[in-house]
Amino acid sequence: MPESAPSGRPAITPDVDLDPPPVASSAPDAGQHPRPRRSAATRAAILAAARDRFAADGYERATIRAIARDAGIDPSMVMRYYGNKEGLFAAASEIDLHAPDLTAVPPEERGARLVRHFVELWESDETLTGMMRVGVTNEAGAERMRQVFAEQVRPLLDAICEVPEEAPTRAALVGSQILGMALCRYVLHVPPAVDLTHDELVAWLGPTVQRYLTAEAP
């Protein structure tokens, strides 16, 4: 039997597969995937709770203990996986925008392509919505969102902007459309924005983003 943890705290179980490993002589069927590990589920629960807590309390007031309680685990597990609150915040705010290569897209289609990419990405990755909530409630989250767009969106503009010194302004304008719609649709749930289909969003926002990408500076 496992030893009980001191001070009445629940014992920490090691990271083990939920199911026993397959027999070495048998090969898995085609298309069969291994079952997720308990550690993966624990990490997912921690990160989801962390994003909610950072959004509600802000970085400074959010605590490891509160995040662990929200995730239904012992605080020592949070420390085990992420070390401290700074490490946890870095992991919770890790975002990959999977930015498309616009140099491979016809110039007149780049605005629509970018809008569609972000709409589909936002609806397939809850991390983005979580970090949007954090970004509108505290400076640490806002700074992280600025960093993500600077590192992943700005290079898109650098690659296609004919006037290099205009790239920062054009990137900021594109970001204003992408983030503005995301805020209305996924965080504030403004009814007209929520009800628009993907094609309608592309039709409305695509021409504006296209103008930010290609129009002459005023």
N, C-alpha and C. Protein backbone atom coordinates (compact mmCIF):
# COMPACT_ATOMS: atom_id res chain seq x y z
N MET A 1 0.85 -1.20 0.00
CA MET A 1 0.00 0.00 0.00
C MET A 1 0.87 1.23 0.00
N PRO A 2 0.43 2.34 -0.68
CA PRO A 2 1.25 3.56 -0.71
C PRO A 2 1.27 4.21 0.64
N GLU A 3 2.41 4.84 0.96
CA GLU A 3 2.55 5.55 2.21
C GLU A 3 1.67 6.78 2.19
N SER A 4 1.10 7.13 3.34
CA SER A 4 0.28 8.34 3.43
C SER A 4 1.16 9.55 3.54
N ALA A 5 0.69 10.69 3.01
CA ALA A 5 1.46 11.93 3.03
C ALA A 5 1.39 12.53 4.42
N PRO A 6 2.44 13.27 4.86
CA PRO A 6 2.44 13.90 6.17
C PRO A 6 1.38 14.99 6.26
N SER A 7 0.99 15.30 7.51
CA SER A 7 0.08 16.40 7.82
C SER A 7 -1.28 16.23 7.19
N GLY A 8 -1.65 14.99 6.86
CA GLY A 8 -2.98 14.75 6.34
C GLY A 8 -3.17 15.13 4.89
N ARG A 9 -2.10 15.59 4.20
CA ARG A 9 -2.24 15.97 2.79
C ARG A 9 -2.31 14.72 1.94
N PRO A 10 -3.04 14.79 0.83
CA PRO A 10 -3.17 13.59 -0.02
C PRO A 10 -1.85 13.19 -0.62
N ALA A 11 -1.63 11.90 -0.73
CA ALA A 11 -0.38 11.42 -1.30
C ALA A 11 -0.32 11.75 -2.77
N ILE A 12 0.87 12.04 -3.28
CA ILE A 12 1.07 12.37 -4.68
C ILE A 12 1.40 11.09 -5.43
N THR A 13 0.63 10.76 -6.40
CA THR A 13 0.88 9.56 -7.17
C THR A 13 1.83 9.87 -8.30
N PRO A 14 2.68 8.92 -8.68
CA PRO A 14 3.63 9.16 -9.76
C PRO A 14 2.91 9.26 -11.09
N ASP A 15 3.62 9.81 -12.09
CA ASP A 15 3.05 9.89 -13.43
C ASP A 15 3.08 8.49 -14.05
N VAL A 16 1.93 7.90 -14.21
CA VAL A 16 1.84 6.58 -14.80
C VAL A 16 0.75 6.59 -15.84
N ASP A 17 0.82 5.67 -16.77
CA ASP A 17 -0.23 5.55 -17.77
C ASP A 17 -1.52 5.12 -17.08
N LEU A 18 -2.64 5.60 -17.60
CA LEU A 18 -3.92 5.19 -17.08
C LEU A 18 -4.17 3.71 -17.33
N ASP A 19 -3.61 3.17 -18.39
CA ASP A 19 -3.78 1.77 -18.71
C ASP A 19 -2.41 1.10 -18.75
N PRO A 20 -2.32 -0.20 -18.52
CA PRO A 20 -1.03 -0.88 -18.60
C PRO A 20 -0.50 -0.85 -20.01
N PRO A 21 0.84 -0.88 -20.18
CA PRO A 21 1.42 -0.84 -21.52
C PRO A 21 1.04 -2.08 -22.32
N PRO A 22 0.99 -1.97 -23.63
CA PRO A 22 0.64 -3.12 -24.45
C PRO A 22 1.72 -4.18 -24.40
N VAL A 23 1.33 -5.42 -24.69
CA VAL A 23 2.31 -6.50 -24.76
C VAL A 23 3.26 -6.22 -25.90
N ALA A 24 4.56 -6.42 -25.66
CA ALA A 24 5.58 -6.02 -26.63
C ALA A 24 5.40 -6.72 -27.97
N SER A 25 4.89 -7.94 -27.95
CA SER A 25 4.80 -8.70 -29.20
C SER A 25 3.63 -8.29 -30.07
N SER A 26 2.69 -7.50 -29.52
CA SER A 26 1.52 -7.13 -30.32
C SER A 26 1.66 -5.71 -30.82
N ALA A 27 1.30 -5.46 -32.06
CA ALA A 27 1.39 -4.13 -32.66
C ALA A 27 0.03 -3.48 -32.62
N PRO A 28 -0.05 -2.15 -32.38
CA PRO A 28 -1.34 -1.47 -32.36
C PRO A 28 -1.98 -1.44 -33.74
N ASP A 29 -3.28 -1.40 -33.77
CA ASP A 29 -3.99 -1.32 -35.03
C ASP A 29 -3.70 0.02 -35.69
N ALA A 30 -3.83 0.06 -37.02
CA ALA A 30 -3.61 1.30 -37.75
C ALA A 30 -4.60 2.36 -37.28
N GLY A 31 -4.10 3.55 -37.05
CA GLY A 31 -4.96 4.64 -36.62
C GLY A 31 -5.21 4.68 -35.14
N GLN A 32 -4.72 3.68 -34.40
CA GLN A 32 -4.94 3.64 -32.96
C GLN A 32 -3.95 4.56 -32.27
N HIS A 33 -4.41 5.34 -31.30
CA HIS A 33 -3.57 6.29 -30.59
C HIS A 33 -3.44 5.87 -29.14
N PRO A 34 -2.28 6.11 -28.52
CA PRO A 34 -2.13 5.77 -27.11
C PRO A 34 -3.03 6.63 -26.25
N ARG A 35 -3.48 6.06 -25.12
CA ARG A 35 -4.31 6.82 -24.20
C ARG A 35 -3.47 7.91 -23.53
N PRO A 36 -4.11 9.05 -23.19
CA PRO A 36 -3.36 10.13 -22.57
C PRO A 36 -2.85 9.73 -21.20
N ARG A 37 -1.74 10.31 -20.80
CA ARG A 37 -1.18 10.05 -19.49
C ARG A 37 -1.87 10.93 -18.46
N ARG A 38 -1.85 10.44 -17.21
CA ARG A 38 -2.44 11.21 -16.13
C ARG A 38 -1.76 12.57 -16.01
N SER A 39 -0.45 12.62 -16.24
CA SER A 39 0.27 13.89 -16.12
C SER A 39 -0.25 14.91 -17.12
N ALA A 40 -0.62 14.46 -18.34
CA ALA A 40 -1.13 15.39 -19.35
C ALA A 40 -2.45 15.98 -18.90
N ALA A 41 -3.32 15.16 -18.33
CA ALA A 41 -4.61 15.66 -17.85
C ALA A 41 -4.42 16.62 -16.68
N THR A 42 -3.45 16.31 -15.82
CA THR A 42 -3.18 17.20 -14.68
C THR A 42 -2.66 18.55 -15.15
N ARG A 43 -1.74 18.53 -16.09
CA ARG A 43 -1.20 19.78 -16.63
C ARG A 43 -2.30 20.62 -17.28
N ALA A 44 -3.18 19.96 -18.03
CA ALA A 44 -4.26 20.68 -18.69
C ALA A 44 -5.18 21.33 -17.67
N ALA A 45 -5.49 20.60 -16.60
CA ALA A 45 -6.35 21.15 -15.56
C ALA A 45 -5.69 22.34 -14.87
N ILE A 46 -4.40 22.24 -14.62
CA ILE A 46 -3.67 23.33 -13.97
C ILE A 46 -3.68 24.58 -14.85
N LEU A 47 -3.37 24.41 -16.13
CA LEU A 47 -3.28 25.56 -17.02
C LEU A 47 -4.64 26.21 -17.22
N ALA A 48 -5.69 25.41 -17.34
CA ALA A 48 -7.03 25.99 -17.48
C ALA A 48 -7.41 26.79 -16.24
N ALA A 49 -7.13 26.22 -15.07
CA ALA A 49 -7.43 26.93 -13.82
C ALA A 49 -6.58 28.19 -13.69
N ALA A 50 -5.33 28.11 -14.13
CA ALA A 50 -4.44 29.27 -14.03
C ALA A 50 -4.93 30.41 -14.91
N ARG A 51 -5.35 30.12 -16.13
CA ARG A 51 -5.83 31.19 -17.01
C ARG A 51 -7.06 31.86 -16.42
N ASP A 52 -7.97 31.06 -15.88
CA ASP A 52 -9.17 31.63 -15.27
C ASP A 52 -8.82 32.48 -14.05
N ARG A 53 -7.91 31.99 -13.24
CA ARG A 53 -7.55 32.71 -12.02
C ARG A 53 -6.77 33.97 -12.33
N PHE A 54 -5.85 33.92 -13.29
CA PHE A 54 -5.11 35.11 -13.68
C PHE A 54 -6.05 36.17 -14.25
N ALA A 55 -7.06 35.71 -15.00
CA ALA A 55 -8.03 36.65 -15.58
C ALA A 55 -8.88 37.28 -14.49
N ALA A 56 -9.27 36.50 -13.48
CA ALA A 56 -10.15 37.00 -12.43
C ALA A 56 -9.42 37.87 -11.41
N ASP A 57 -8.22 37.45 -11.03
CA ASP A 57 -7.51 38.12 -9.93
C ASP A 57 -6.34 38.98 -10.38
N GLY A 58 -5.89 38.80 -11.62
CA GLY A 58 -4.66 39.46 -12.03
C GLY A 58 -3.46 38.67 -11.60
N TYR A 59 -2.32 38.96 -12.19
CA TYR A 59 -1.11 38.19 -11.90
C TYR A 59 -0.69 38.32 -10.44
N GLU A 60 -0.70 39.52 -9.92
CA GLU A 60 -0.17 39.75 -8.57
C GLU A 60 -1.01 39.05 -7.51
N ARG A 61 -2.32 39.06 -7.62
CA ARG A 61 -3.19 38.53 -6.56
C ARG A 61 -3.47 37.04 -6.72
N ALA A 62 -3.28 36.51 -7.91
CA ALA A 62 -3.50 35.08 -8.11
C ALA A 62 -2.45 34.28 -7.32
N THR A 63 -2.86 33.21 -6.69
CA THR A 63 -1.95 32.41 -5.89
C THR A 63 -1.93 30.96 -6.38
N ILE A 64 -0.80 30.32 -6.13
CA ILE A 64 -0.68 28.90 -6.46
C ILE A 64 -1.74 28.09 -5.73
N ARG A 65 -1.99 28.43 -4.47
CA ARG A 65 -2.97 27.68 -3.68
C ARG A 65 -4.37 27.78 -4.30
N ALA A 66 -4.74 28.99 -4.73
CA ALA A 66 -6.07 29.17 -5.32
C ALA A 66 -6.18 28.43 -6.64
N ILE A 67 -5.12 28.47 -7.43
CA ILE A 67 -5.14 27.78 -8.72
C ILE A 67 -5.23 26.28 -8.52
N ALA A 68 -4.48 25.76 -7.55
CA ALA A 68 -4.54 24.34 -7.26
C ALA A 68 -5.94 23.93 -6.79
N ARG A 69 -6.54 24.76 -5.96
CA ARG A 69 -7.90 24.46 -5.49
C ARG A 69 -8.88 24.42 -6.66
N ASP A 70 -8.76 25.39 -7.57
CA ASP A 70 -9.64 25.41 -8.74
C ASP A 70 -9.44 24.16 -9.60
N ALA A 71 -8.20 23.68 -9.67
CA ALA A 71 -7.90 22.51 -10.50
C ALA A 71 -8.20 21.20 -9.78
N GLY A 72 -8.50 21.28 -8.47
CA GLY A 72 -8.82 20.09 -7.71
C GLY A 72 -7.62 19.22 -7.38
N ILE A 73 -6.45 19.86 -7.22
CA ILE A 73 -5.23 19.10 -6.90
C ILE A 73 -4.49 19.76 -5.75
N ASP A 74 -3.45 19.11 -5.28
CA ASP A 74 -2.62 19.65 -4.21
C ASP A 74 -1.69 20.73 -4.78
N PRO A 75 -1.45 21.83 -4.03
CA PRO A 75 -0.54 22.87 -4.54
C PRO A 75 0.84 22.35 -4.89
N SER A 76 1.29 21.29 -4.21
CA SER A 76 2.63 20.76 -4.51
C SER A 76 2.72 20.25 -5.93
N MET A 77 1.59 19.84 -6.52
CA MET A 77 1.62 19.37 -7.90
C MET A 77 1.88 20.52 -8.86
N VAL A 78 1.32 21.69 -8.56
CA VAL A 78 1.57 22.86 -9.39
C VAL A 78 3.05 23.20 -9.35
N MET A 79 3.62 23.19 -8.15
CA MET A 79 5.04 23.50 -8.01
C MET A 79 5.90 22.44 -8.69
N ARG A 80 5.45 21.22 -8.62
CA ARG A 80 6.20 20.14 -9.24
C ARG A 80 6.34 20.34 -10.75
N TYR A 81 5.24 20.72 -11.39
CA TYR A 81 5.25 20.86 -12.84
C TYR A 81 5.83 22.19 -13.31
N TYR A 82 5.59 23.28 -12.56
CA TYR A 82 5.93 24.61 -13.09
C TYR A 82 6.87 25.42 -12.20
N GLY A 83 7.23 24.91 -11.06
CA GLY A 83 8.25 25.55 -10.23
C GLY A 83 7.75 26.69 -9.36
N ASN A 84 7.15 27.70 -9.98
CA ASN A 84 6.64 28.86 -9.24
C ASN A 84 5.59 29.56 -10.08
N LYS A 85 5.06 30.66 -9.56
CA LYS A 85 3.98 31.35 -10.27
C LYS A 85 4.46 31.93 -11.59
N GLU A 86 5.68 32.41 -11.63
CA GLU A 86 6.22 32.96 -12.87
C GLU A 86 6.29 31.88 -13.95
N GLY A 87 6.76 30.69 -13.57
CA GLY A 87 6.82 29.59 -14.54
C GLY A 87 5.44 29.15 -14.99
N LEU A 88 4.49 29.16 -14.05
CA LEU A 88 3.12 28.79 -14.40
C LEU A 88 2.51 29.79 -15.36
N PHE A 89 2.72 31.08 -15.10
CA PHE A 89 2.16 32.10 -15.99
C PHE A 89 2.75 31.98 -17.39
N ALA A 90 4.06 31.74 -17.46
CA ALA A 90 4.70 31.59 -18.76
C ALA A 90 4.10 30.42 -19.53
N ALA A 91 3.83 29.31 -18.84
CA ALA A 91 3.25 28.15 -19.51
C ALA A 91 1.80 28.41 -19.90
N ALA A 92 1.04 29.06 -19.02
CA ALA A 92 -0.37 29.32 -19.29
C ALA A 92 -0.55 30.31 -20.44
N SER A 93 0.43 31.15 -20.66
CA SER A 93 0.32 32.17 -21.71
C SER A 93 1.10 31.80 -22.97
N GLU A 94 1.54 30.56 -23.06
CA GLU A 94 2.27 30.11 -24.25
C GLU A 94 1.29 30.00 -25.42
N ILE A 95 1.52 30.76 -26.46
CA ILE A 95 0.60 30.80 -27.59
C ILE A 95 1.38 30.66 -28.89
N ASP A 96 0.92 29.78 -29.75
CA ASP A 96 1.48 29.66 -31.10
C ASP A 96 0.37 30.03 -32.08
N LEU A 97 0.54 31.14 -32.77
CA LEU A 97 -0.48 31.60 -33.70
C LEU A 97 -0.46 30.85 -35.03
N HIS A 98 0.56 30.02 -35.24
CA HIS A 98 0.67 29.26 -36.50
C HIS A 98 0.47 30.21 -37.69
N ALA A 99 1.13 31.33 -37.63
CA ALA A 99 0.93 32.37 -38.64
C ALA A 99 1.22 31.85 -40.04
N PRO A 100 0.34 32.12 -40.99
CA PRO A 100 0.54 31.64 -42.36
C PRO A 100 1.63 32.42 -43.07
N ASP A 101 2.20 31.80 -44.08
CA ASP A 101 3.21 32.46 -44.91
C ASP A 101 2.48 33.26 -46.00
N LEU A 102 2.35 34.56 -45.77
CA LEU A 102 1.60 35.39 -46.72
C LEU A 102 2.34 35.61 -48.02
N THR A 103 3.63 35.34 -48.05
CA THR A 103 4.37 35.51 -49.31
C THR A 103 3.90 34.49 -50.35
N ALA A 104 3.29 33.39 -49.89
CA ALA A 104 2.79 32.36 -50.80
C ALA A 104 1.35 32.59 -51.21
N VAL A 105 0.75 33.68 -50.72
CA VAL A 105 -0.66 34.00 -51.01
C VAL A 105 -0.70 35.17 -51.99
N PRO A 106 -1.56 35.12 -53.02
CA PRO A 106 -1.67 36.26 -53.94
C PRO A 106 -1.94 37.55 -53.17
N PRO A 107 -1.28 38.64 -53.51
CA PRO A 107 -1.39 39.89 -52.73
C PRO A 107 -2.83 40.33 -52.48
N GLU A 108 -3.71 40.16 -53.46
CA GLU A 108 -5.09 40.63 -53.31
C GLU A 108 -5.93 39.73 -52.39
N GLU A 109 -5.39 38.58 -51.99
CA GLU A 109 -6.13 37.65 -51.14
C GLU A 109 -5.59 37.60 -49.71
N ARG A 110 -4.58 38.39 -49.41
CA ARG A 110 -3.91 38.25 -48.11
C ARG A 110 -4.79 38.68 -46.94
N GLY A 111 -5.58 39.73 -47.12
CA GLY A 111 -6.43 40.18 -46.03
C GLY A 111 -7.43 39.12 -45.63
N ALA A 112 -8.12 38.55 -46.62
CA ALA A 112 -9.11 37.51 -46.35
C ALA A 112 -8.45 36.27 -45.76
N ARG A 113 -7.29 35.93 -46.28
CA ARG A 113 -6.58 34.74 -45.79
C ARG A 113 -6.21 34.91 -44.32
N LEU A 114 -5.77 36.08 -43.94
CA LEU A 114 -5.35 36.33 -42.56
C LEU A 114 -6.55 36.29 -41.61
N VAL A 115 -7.65 36.91 -42.02
CA VAL A 115 -8.84 36.92 -41.17
C VAL A 115 -9.35 35.49 -40.96
N ARG A 116 -9.45 34.73 -42.02
CA ARG A 116 -9.95 33.37 -41.90
C ARG A 116 -9.04 32.53 -41.01
N HIS A 117 -7.75 32.71 -41.16
CA HIS A 117 -6.81 31.96 -40.32
C HIS A 117 -7.06 32.23 -38.84
N PHE A 118 -7.20 33.49 -38.46
CA PHE A 118 -7.34 33.82 -37.06
C PHE A 118 -8.71 33.42 -36.51
N VAL A 119 -9.75 33.53 -37.31
CA VAL A 119 -11.07 33.10 -36.84
C VAL A 119 -11.06 31.60 -36.56
N GLU A 120 -10.53 30.82 -37.48
CA GLU A 120 -10.48 29.37 -37.29
C GLU A 120 -9.56 29.00 -36.14
N LEU A 121 -8.45 29.71 -36.00
CA LEU A 121 -7.51 29.42 -34.91
C LEU A 121 -8.15 29.72 -33.57
N TRP A 122 -8.81 30.86 -33.47
CA TRP A 122 -9.39 31.28 -32.20
C TRP A 122 -10.44 30.29 -31.72
N GLU A 123 -11.18 29.71 -32.66
CA GLU A 123 -12.25 28.80 -32.28
C GLU A 123 -11.77 27.37 -32.06
N SER A 124 -10.48 27.14 -32.26
CA SER A 124 -9.93 25.80 -32.03
C SER A 124 -8.93 25.78 -30.88
N ASP A 125 -8.65 26.93 -30.28
CA ASP A 125 -7.64 27.01 -29.22
C ASP A 125 -8.16 27.88 -28.09
N GLU A 126 -8.57 27.25 -26.98
CA GLU A 126 -9.11 28.00 -25.85
C GLU A 126 -8.06 28.85 -25.16
N THR A 127 -6.78 28.56 -25.40
CA THR A 127 -5.72 29.37 -24.80
C THR A 127 -5.83 30.82 -25.22
N LEU A 128 -6.17 31.06 -26.47
CA LEU A 128 -6.27 32.42 -26.97
C LEU A 128 -7.36 33.21 -26.25
N THR A 129 -8.51 32.58 -26.07
CA THR A 129 -9.59 33.26 -25.36
C THR A 129 -9.21 33.49 -23.90
N GLY A 130 -8.58 32.49 -23.29
CA GLY A 130 -8.15 32.66 -21.92
C GLY A 130 -7.17 33.80 -21.75
N MET A 131 -6.22 33.90 -22.67
CA MET A 131 -5.24 34.97 -22.56
C MET A 131 -5.83 36.33 -22.92
N MET A 132 -6.85 36.34 -23.76
CA MET A 132 -7.54 37.60 -24.03
C MET A 132 -8.19 38.12 -22.76
N ARG A 133 -8.83 37.23 -22.00
CA ARG A 133 -9.43 37.64 -20.74
C ARG A 133 -8.37 38.16 -19.77
N VAL A 134 -7.24 37.47 -19.72
CA VAL A 134 -6.15 37.93 -18.85
C VAL A 134 -5.63 39.28 -19.33
N GLY A 135 -5.50 39.43 -20.63
CA GLY A 135 -4.93 40.66 -21.18
C GLY A 135 -5.75 41.90 -20.93
N VAL A 136 -7.08 41.74 -20.81
CA VAL A 136 -7.93 42.92 -20.58
C VAL A 136 -8.12 43.20 -19.10
N THR A 137 -7.55 42.35 -18.23
CA THR A 137 -7.74 42.56 -16.79
C THR A 137 -6.47 42.91 -16.05
N ASN A 138 -5.30 42.64 -16.62
CA ASN A 138 -4.07 43.00 -15.90
C ASN A 138 -2.92 43.22 -16.87
N GLU A 139 -1.94 43.97 -16.42
CA GLU A 139 -0.84 44.40 -17.27
C GLU A 139 0.05 43.24 -17.71
N ALA A 140 0.25 42.26 -16.83
CA ALA A 140 1.10 41.13 -17.20
C ALA A 140 0.51 40.39 -18.41
N GLY A 141 -0.81 40.21 -18.40
CA GLY A 141 -1.45 39.56 -19.54
C GLY A 141 -1.41 40.41 -20.79
N ALA A 142 -1.60 41.71 -20.62
CA ALA A 142 -1.55 42.61 -21.77
C ALA A 142 -0.16 42.61 -22.40
N GLU A 143 0.85 42.62 -21.55
CA GLU A 143 2.22 42.62 -22.06
C GLU A 143 2.52 41.32 -22.80
N ARG A 144 1.99 40.22 -22.28
CA ARG A 144 2.21 38.94 -22.95
C ARG A 144 1.54 38.91 -24.32
N MET A 145 0.33 39.45 -24.42
CA MET A 145 -0.35 39.51 -25.71
C MET A 145 0.41 40.40 -26.68
N ARG A 146 0.91 41.52 -26.20
CA ARG A 146 1.71 42.40 -27.07
C ARG A 146 2.95 41.68 -27.57
N GLN A 147 3.56 40.92 -26.69
CA GLN A 147 4.76 40.19 -27.06
C GLN A 147 4.47 39.14 -28.12
N VAL A 148 3.37 38.43 -27.96
CA VAL A 148 3.00 37.39 -28.93
C VAL A 148 2.79 38.00 -30.31
N PHE A 149 2.05 39.11 -30.37
CA PHE A 149 1.80 39.73 -31.67
C PHE A 149 3.07 40.34 -32.26
N ALA A 150 3.92 40.88 -31.41
CA ALA A 150 5.17 41.44 -31.91
C ALA A 150 6.07 40.36 -32.49
N GLU A 151 6.08 39.20 -31.85
CA GLU A 151 6.97 38.13 -32.27
C GLU A 151 6.42 37.31 -33.42
N GLN A 152 5.08 37.23 -33.55
CA GLN A 152 4.51 36.32 -34.53
C GLN A 152 3.71 36.99 -35.64
N VAL A 153 3.18 38.18 -35.39
CA VAL A 153 2.44 38.88 -36.43
C VAL A 153 3.33 39.87 -37.16
N ARG A 154 4.14 40.58 -36.43
CA ARG A 154 5.03 41.56 -37.05
C ARG A 154 5.89 40.96 -38.17
N PRO A 155 6.47 39.76 -37.99
CA PRO A 155 7.25 39.18 -39.08
C PRO A 155 6.46 38.97 -40.36
N LEU A 156 5.14 38.72 -40.24
CA LEU A 156 4.30 38.59 -41.43
C LEU A 156 4.35 39.86 -42.27
N LEU A 157 4.25 40.99 -41.57
CA LEU A 157 4.25 42.27 -42.27
C LEU A 157 5.64 42.61 -42.80
N ASP A 158 6.65 42.26 -42.04
CA ASP A 158 8.02 42.51 -42.50
C ASP A 158 8.29 41.80 -43.81
N ALA A 159 7.69 40.61 -43.98
CA ALA A 159 7.96 39.80 -45.17
C ALA A 159 7.26 40.32 -46.42
N ILE A 160 6.15 41.07 -46.25
CA ILE A 160 5.38 41.49 -47.42
C ILE A 160 5.28 43.00 -47.58
N CYS A 161 5.68 43.75 -46.58
CA CYS A 161 5.52 45.21 -46.65
C CYS A 161 6.55 45.82 -47.60
N GLU A 162 6.07 46.57 -48.57
CA GLU A 162 6.98 47.16 -49.55
C GLU A 162 7.75 48.34 -48.98
N VAL A 163 7.22 48.94 -47.92
CA VAL A 163 7.91 50.05 -47.25
C VAL A 163 8.22 49.58 -45.83
N PRO A 164 9.42 49.08 -45.58
CA PRO A 164 9.74 48.44 -44.30
C PRO A 164 9.40 49.29 -43.07
N GLU A 165 9.61 50.60 -43.15
CA GLU A 165 9.36 51.43 -41.98
C GLU A 165 7.87 51.55 -41.65
N GLU A 166 7.00 51.13 -42.57
CA GLU A 166 5.56 51.17 -42.30
C GLU A 166 5.06 49.88 -41.65
N ALA A 167 5.89 48.86 -41.59
CA ALA A 167 5.46 47.56 -41.08
C ALA A 167 4.92 47.62 -39.65
N PRO A 168 5.56 48.34 -38.71
CA PRO A 168 5.02 48.37 -37.35
C PRO A 168 3.60 48.96 -37.28
N THR A 169 3.36 50.04 -38.04
CA THR A 169 2.03 50.66 -38.04
C THR A 169 1.01 49.73 -38.65
N ARG A 170 1.35 49.10 -39.76
CA ARG A 170 0.41 48.20 -40.42
C ARG A 170 0.12 46.98 -39.53
N ALA A 171 1.12 46.48 -38.83
CA ALA A 171 0.91 45.35 -37.93
C ALA A 171 -0.03 45.73 -36.79
N ALA A 172 0.13 46.94 -36.26
CA ALA A 172 -0.74 47.40 -35.17
C ALA A 172 -2.18 47.53 -35.66
N LEU A 173 -2.37 48.03 -36.87
CA LEU A 173 -3.71 48.18 -37.42
C LEU A 173 -4.37 46.82 -37.66
N VAL A 174 -3.60 45.89 -38.20
CA VAL A 174 -4.13 44.54 -38.39
C VAL A 174 -4.51 43.94 -37.04
N GLY A 175 -3.64 44.11 -36.05
CA GLY A 175 -3.93 43.59 -34.72
C GLY A 175 -5.19 44.19 -34.12
N SER A 176 -5.43 45.47 -34.42
CA SER A 176 -6.63 46.11 -33.87
C SER A 176 -7.90 45.44 -34.38
N GLN A 177 -7.89 45.01 -35.63
CA GLN A 177 -9.06 44.33 -36.19
C GLN A 177 -9.20 42.91 -35.63
N ILE A 178 -8.10 42.18 -35.60
CA ILE A 178 -8.13 40.79 -35.14
C ILE A 178 -8.51 40.72 -33.66
N LEU A 179 -7.82 41.52 -32.85
CA LEU A 179 -8.08 41.48 -31.40
C LEU A 179 -9.43 42.11 -31.06
N GLY A 180 -9.80 43.15 -31.79
CA GLY A 180 -11.08 43.79 -31.52
C GLY A 180 -12.24 42.85 -31.75
N MET A 181 -12.22 42.14 -32.87
CA MET A 181 -13.28 41.19 -33.13
C MET A 181 -13.25 40.05 -32.13
N ALA A 182 -12.05 39.57 -31.78
CA ALA A 182 -11.93 38.48 -30.81
C ALA A 182 -12.51 38.90 -29.46
N LEU A 183 -12.25 40.12 -29.05
CA LEU A 183 -12.80 40.61 -27.78
C LEU A 183 -14.32 40.63 -27.80
N CYS A 184 -14.89 41.14 -28.90
CA CYS A 184 -16.35 41.22 -29.00
C CYS A 184 -16.99 39.84 -29.13
N ARG A 185 -16.37 38.96 -29.87
CA ARG A 185 -16.98 37.67 -30.20
C ARG A 185 -16.76 36.61 -29.11
N TYR A 186 -15.55 36.54 -28.54
CA TYR A 186 -15.21 35.43 -27.66
C TYR A 186 -15.14 35.79 -26.18
N VAL A 187 -15.01 37.08 -25.86
CA VAL A 187 -14.92 37.48 -24.45
C VAL A 187 -16.18 38.21 -24.01
N LEU A 188 -16.57 39.26 -24.74
CA LEU A 188 -17.76 40.02 -24.38
C LEU A 188 -19.04 39.38 -24.90
N HIS A 189 -18.92 38.54 -25.91
CA HIS A 189 -20.07 37.83 -26.50
C HIS A 189 -21.14 38.81 -26.98
N VAL A 190 -20.70 39.83 -27.71
CA VAL A 190 -21.63 40.78 -28.31
C VAL A 190 -22.48 40.02 -29.34
N PRO A 191 -23.82 40.01 -29.19
CA PRO A 191 -24.66 39.13 -30.02
C PRO A 191 -24.41 39.19 -31.52
N PRO A 192 -24.37 40.35 -32.17
CA PRO A 192 -24.14 40.31 -33.61
C PRO A 192 -22.80 39.69 -33.99
N ALA A 193 -21.75 39.97 -33.20
CA ALA A 193 -20.44 39.41 -33.50
C ALA A 193 -20.42 37.90 -33.29
N VAL A 194 -21.10 37.42 -32.26
CA VAL A 194 -21.15 35.99 -31.98
C VAL A 194 -21.88 35.24 -33.08
N ASP A 195 -22.90 35.86 -33.65
CA ASP A 195 -23.76 35.17 -34.61
C ASP A 195 -23.20 35.13 -36.03
N LEU A 196 -22.19 35.92 -36.32
CA LEU A 196 -21.64 35.94 -37.67
C LEU A 196 -20.96 34.61 -38.01
N THR A 197 -21.15 34.14 -39.23
CA THR A 197 -20.46 32.94 -39.68
C THR A 197 -19.02 33.30 -40.05
N HIS A 198 -18.22 32.28 -40.27
CA HIS A 198 -16.84 32.52 -40.69
C HIS A 198 -16.79 33.31 -42.00
N ASP A 199 -17.62 32.90 -42.95
CA ASP A 199 -17.62 33.58 -44.25
C ASP A 199 -18.04 35.05 -44.09
N GLU A 200 -18.99 35.30 -43.22
CA GLU A 200 -19.41 36.69 -43.00
C GLU A 200 -18.31 37.51 -42.34
N LEU A 201 -17.61 36.91 -41.39
CA LEU A 201 -16.49 37.62 -40.75
C LEU A 201 -15.41 37.96 -41.77
N VAL A 202 -15.11 36.99 -42.62
CA VAL A 202 -14.09 37.24 -43.65
C VAL A 202 -14.56 38.33 -44.61
N ALA A 203 -15.84 38.29 -44.97
CA ALA A 203 -16.37 39.29 -45.91
C ALA A 203 -16.34 40.69 -45.31
N TRP A 204 -16.62 40.82 -44.01
CA TRP A 204 -16.62 42.13 -43.37
C TRP A 204 -15.20 42.63 -43.06
N LEU A 205 -14.39 41.76 -42.48
CA LEU A 205 -13.08 42.20 -42.00
C LEU A 205 -11.98 42.11 -43.06
N GLY A 206 -12.12 41.16 -43.99
CA GLY A 206 -11.08 40.95 -44.99
C GLY A 206 -10.68 42.21 -45.74
N PRO A 207 -11.65 42.98 -46.29
CA PRO A 207 -11.27 44.19 -47.03
C PRO A 207 -10.55 45.23 -46.17
N THR A 208 -10.94 45.33 -44.90
CA THR A 208 -10.29 46.29 -44.02
C THR A 208 -8.85 45.87 -43.74
N VAL A 209 -8.65 44.59 -43.43
CA VAL A 209 -7.30 44.10 -43.20
C VAL A 209 -6.47 44.21 -44.48
N GLN A 210 -7.10 43.94 -45.63
CA GLN A 210 -6.41 44.07 -46.90
C GLN A 210 -5.92 45.50 -47.11
N ARG A 211 -6.76 46.47 -46.74
CA ARG A 211 -6.36 47.88 -46.88
C ARG A 211 -5.18 48.19 -45.97
N TYR A 212 -5.20 47.66 -44.76
CA TYR A 212 -4.07 47.87 -43.85
C TYR A 212 -2.79 47.27 -44.39
N LEU A 213 -2.91 46.20 -45.15
CA LEU A 213 -1.73 45.53 -45.68
C LEU A 213 -1.15 46.22 -46.90
N THR A 214 -2.04 46.78 -47.75
CA THR A 214 -1.57 47.20 -49.08
C THR A 214 -1.80 48.67 -49.42
N ALA A 215 -2.75 49.35 -48.75
CA ALA A 215 -3.07 50.73 -49.14
C ALA A 215 -1.90 51.66 -48.88
N GLU A 216 -1.84 52.71 -49.65
CA GLU A 216 -0.81 53.72 -49.41
C GLU A 216 -1.06 54.41 -48.08
N ALA A 217 0.02 54.77 -47.42
CA ALA A 217 -0.12 55.46 -46.14
C ALA A 217 -0.75 56.84 -46.37
N PRO A 218 -1.64 57.28 -45.47
CA PRO A 218 -2.28 58.58 -45.66
C PRO A 218 -1.28 59.73 -45.47
